[in-house]
Amino acid sequence: MTIGYQYILLVIAGLAGVVYGLPAAHRLKCPFDIAAALAVLAGVVATAMGILLTFIPGFFR
């Protein structure tokens, strides 16, 4: 059984989006805080998909 390294990179990129977006959503002014909040949402989705595909590789087939 091989581990999909691209899925682990997806988890890392998702966590980076969450780590960047949470403080930025509170620190930035009005139009930019929405983009940071969307980065958090995308990071959570990417992290969840990366974890899911790492442990169950054929999940979406």
N, C-alpha and C. Protein backbone atom coordinates (compact mmCIF):
# COMPACT_ATOMS: atom_id res chain seq x y z
N MET A 1 0.84 -1.18 0.00
CA MET A 1 0.00 0.00 0.00
C MET A 1 0.88 1.24 0.00
N THR A 2 0.65 2.11 -0.96
CA THR A 2 1.46 3.33 -1.04
C THR A 2 0.65 4.51 -0.53
N ILE A 3 1.36 5.44 0.03
CA ILE A 3 0.73 6.66 0.55
C ILE A 3 0.78 7.70 -0.55
N GLY A 4 -0.36 8.34 -0.82
CA GLY A 4 -0.40 9.41 -1.82
C GLY A 4 0.21 10.68 -1.24
N TYR A 5 1.41 11.00 -1.69
CA TYR A 5 2.09 12.17 -1.14
C TYR A 5 1.39 13.47 -1.56
N GLN A 6 0.68 13.44 -2.69
CA GLN A 6 -0.04 14.64 -3.08
C GLN A 6 -1.18 14.93 -2.11
N TYR A 7 -1.73 13.91 -1.48
CA TYR A 7 -2.78 14.12 -0.49
C TYR A 7 -2.22 14.70 0.80
N ILE A 8 -1.02 14.30 1.15
CA ILE A 8 -0.38 14.87 2.34
C ILE A 8 -0.05 16.35 2.08
N LEU A 9 0.36 16.66 0.86
CA LEU A 9 0.59 18.07 0.51
C LEU A 9 -0.71 18.86 0.53
N LEU A 10 -1.82 18.22 0.18
CA LEU A 10 -3.12 18.87 0.26
C LEU A 10 -3.48 19.19 1.71
N VAL A 11 -3.16 18.29 2.63
CA VAL A 11 -3.40 18.54 4.05
C VAL A 11 -2.54 19.71 4.53
N ILE A 12 -1.29 19.72 4.14
CA ILE A 12 -0.38 20.79 4.57
C ILE A 12 -0.82 22.14 4.01
N ALA A 13 -1.22 22.17 2.75
CA ALA A 13 -1.69 23.42 2.14
C ALA A 13 -2.99 23.89 2.80
N GLY A 14 -3.86 22.96 3.13
CA GLY A 14 -5.10 23.33 3.80
C GLY A 14 -4.86 23.90 5.18
N LEU A 15 -3.96 23.27 5.91
CA LEU A 15 -3.63 23.80 7.24
C LEU A 15 -2.96 25.17 7.16
N ALA A 16 -2.16 25.38 6.11
CA ALA A 16 -1.54 26.69 5.93
C ALA A 16 -2.59 27.76 5.65
N GLY A 17 -3.62 27.40 4.88
CA GLY A 17 -4.70 28.35 4.63
C GLY A 17 -5.47 28.69 5.89
N VAL A 18 -5.67 27.72 6.74
CA VAL A 18 -6.38 27.97 8.00
C VAL A 18 -5.53 28.82 8.94
N VAL A 19 -4.25 28.49 9.02
CA VAL A 19 -3.35 29.23 9.92
C VAL A 19 -3.20 30.68 9.46
N TYR A 20 -3.18 30.90 8.15
CA TYR A 20 -3.11 32.28 7.65
C TYR A 20 -4.44 33.00 7.83
N GLY A 21 -5.52 32.34 7.50
CA GLY A 21 -6.81 33.00 7.39
C GLY A 21 -7.46 33.37 8.70
N LEU A 22 -7.29 32.58 9.72
CA LEU A 22 -7.97 32.89 10.99
C LEU A 22 -7.54 34.22 11.59
N PRO A 23 -6.25 34.47 11.75
CA PRO A 23 -5.89 35.79 12.28
C PRO A 23 -6.15 36.92 11.28
N ALA A 24 -5.98 36.63 9.99
CA ALA A 24 -6.16 37.67 8.99
C ALA A 24 -7.62 38.09 8.88
N ALA A 25 -8.55 37.18 9.11
CA ALA A 25 -9.97 37.52 9.03
C ALA A 25 -10.36 38.51 10.12
N HIS A 26 -9.65 38.52 11.22
CA HIS A 26 -9.95 39.46 12.30
C HIS A 26 -9.11 40.73 12.21
N ARG A 27 -7.98 40.65 11.53
CA ARG A 27 -7.06 41.78 11.48
C ARG A 27 -7.34 42.71 10.30
N LEU A 28 -7.76 42.18 9.17
CA LEU A 28 -7.91 42.98 7.96
C LEU A 28 -9.22 43.77 7.97
N LYS A 29 -9.25 44.80 7.14
CA LYS A 29 -10.46 45.64 7.04
C LYS A 29 -11.47 45.00 6.10
N CYS A 30 -12.60 45.64 5.95
CA CYS A 30 -13.83 45.05 5.42
C CYS A 30 -13.73 44.23 4.13
N PRO A 31 -13.27 44.69 3.00
CA PRO A 31 -13.37 43.79 1.85
C PRO A 31 -12.36 42.65 1.90
N PHE A 32 -11.25 42.84 2.61
CA PHE A 32 -10.20 41.84 2.62
C PHE A 32 -10.45 40.74 3.65
N ASP A 33 -11.22 41.03 4.67
CA ASP A 33 -11.49 40.00 5.67
C ASP A 33 -12.39 38.91 5.10
N ILE A 34 -13.19 39.23 4.10
CA ILE A 34 -14.02 38.21 3.46
C ILE A 34 -13.15 37.22 2.71
N ALA A 35 -12.13 37.71 2.03
CA ALA A 35 -11.21 36.82 1.32
C ALA A 35 -10.46 35.92 2.29
N ALA A 36 -10.07 36.46 3.42
CA ALA A 36 -9.38 35.65 4.42
C ALA A 36 -10.30 34.59 5.01
N ALA A 37 -11.57 34.94 5.22
CA ALA A 37 -12.52 33.96 5.73
C ALA A 37 -12.77 32.86 4.70
N LEU A 38 -12.80 33.21 3.43
CA LEU A 38 -12.93 32.19 2.38
C LEU A 38 -11.69 31.31 2.29
N ALA A 39 -10.52 31.87 2.59
CA ALA A 39 -9.30 31.07 2.64
C ALA A 39 -9.36 30.05 3.77
N VAL A 40 -9.96 30.43 4.89
CA VAL A 40 -10.14 29.49 6.00
C VAL A 40 -11.08 28.37 5.58
N LEU A 41 -12.17 28.72 4.94
CA LEU A 41 -13.13 27.71 4.49
C LEU A 41 -12.49 26.76 3.49
N ALA A 42 -11.76 27.30 2.53
CA ALA A 42 -11.07 26.45 1.55
C ALA A 42 -10.02 25.58 2.23
N GLY A 43 -9.34 26.11 3.23
CA GLY A 43 -8.34 25.33 3.96
C GLY A 43 -8.95 24.18 4.73
N VAL A 44 -10.11 24.41 5.33
CA VAL A 44 -10.78 23.34 6.07
C VAL A 44 -11.23 22.24 5.10
N VAL A 45 -11.79 22.64 3.97
CA VAL A 45 -12.23 21.66 2.98
C VAL A 45 -11.05 20.88 2.41
N ALA A 46 -9.96 21.57 2.09
CA ALA A 46 -8.78 20.91 1.55
C ALA A 46 -8.16 19.95 2.57
N THR A 47 -8.12 20.36 3.82
CA THR A 47 -7.57 19.49 4.86
C THR A 47 -8.43 18.26 5.04
N ALA A 48 -9.74 18.44 5.07
CA ALA A 48 -10.64 17.29 5.24
C ALA A 48 -10.53 16.33 4.06
N MET A 49 -10.48 16.86 2.85
CA MET A 49 -10.34 15.99 1.69
C MET A 49 -8.99 15.29 1.66
N GLY A 50 -7.94 16.00 2.05
CA GLY A 50 -6.62 15.39 2.08
C GLY A 50 -6.52 14.27 3.09
N ILE A 51 -7.09 14.47 4.27
CA ILE A 51 -7.08 13.41 5.28
C ILE A 51 -7.91 12.22 4.82
N LEU A 52 -9.07 12.50 4.25
CA LEU A 52 -9.95 11.44 3.77
C LEU A 52 -9.27 10.63 2.67
N LEU A 53 -8.66 11.30 1.71
CA LEU A 53 -8.03 10.58 0.61
C LEU A 53 -6.71 9.93 1.00
N THR A 54 -6.08 10.39 2.06
CA THR A 54 -4.87 9.73 2.53
C THR A 54 -5.19 8.37 3.14
N PHE A 55 -6.26 8.31 3.90
CA PHE A 55 -6.59 7.06 4.60
C PHE A 55 -7.50 6.15 3.80
N ILE A 56 -8.32 6.70 2.89
CA ILE A 56 -9.20 5.90 2.05
C ILE A 56 -8.99 6.38 0.62
N PRO A 57 -7.96 5.87 -0.10
CA PRO A 57 -7.57 6.41 -1.39
C PRO A 57 -8.67 6.34 -2.46
N GLY A 58 -9.50 5.33 -2.49
CA GLY A 58 -10.51 5.22 -3.53
C GLY A 58 -11.87 5.70 -3.09
N PHE A 59 -11.93 6.68 -2.25
CA PHE A 59 -13.20 7.10 -1.67
C PHE A 59 -14.15 7.67 -2.72
N PHE A 60 -13.66 8.44 -3.66
CA PHE A 60 -14.54 9.09 -4.62
C PHE A 60 -14.76 8.28 -5.90
N ARG A 61 -14.35 7.05 -5.91
CA ARG A 61 -14.57 6.19 -7.09
C ARG A 61 -15.85 5.45 -6.99
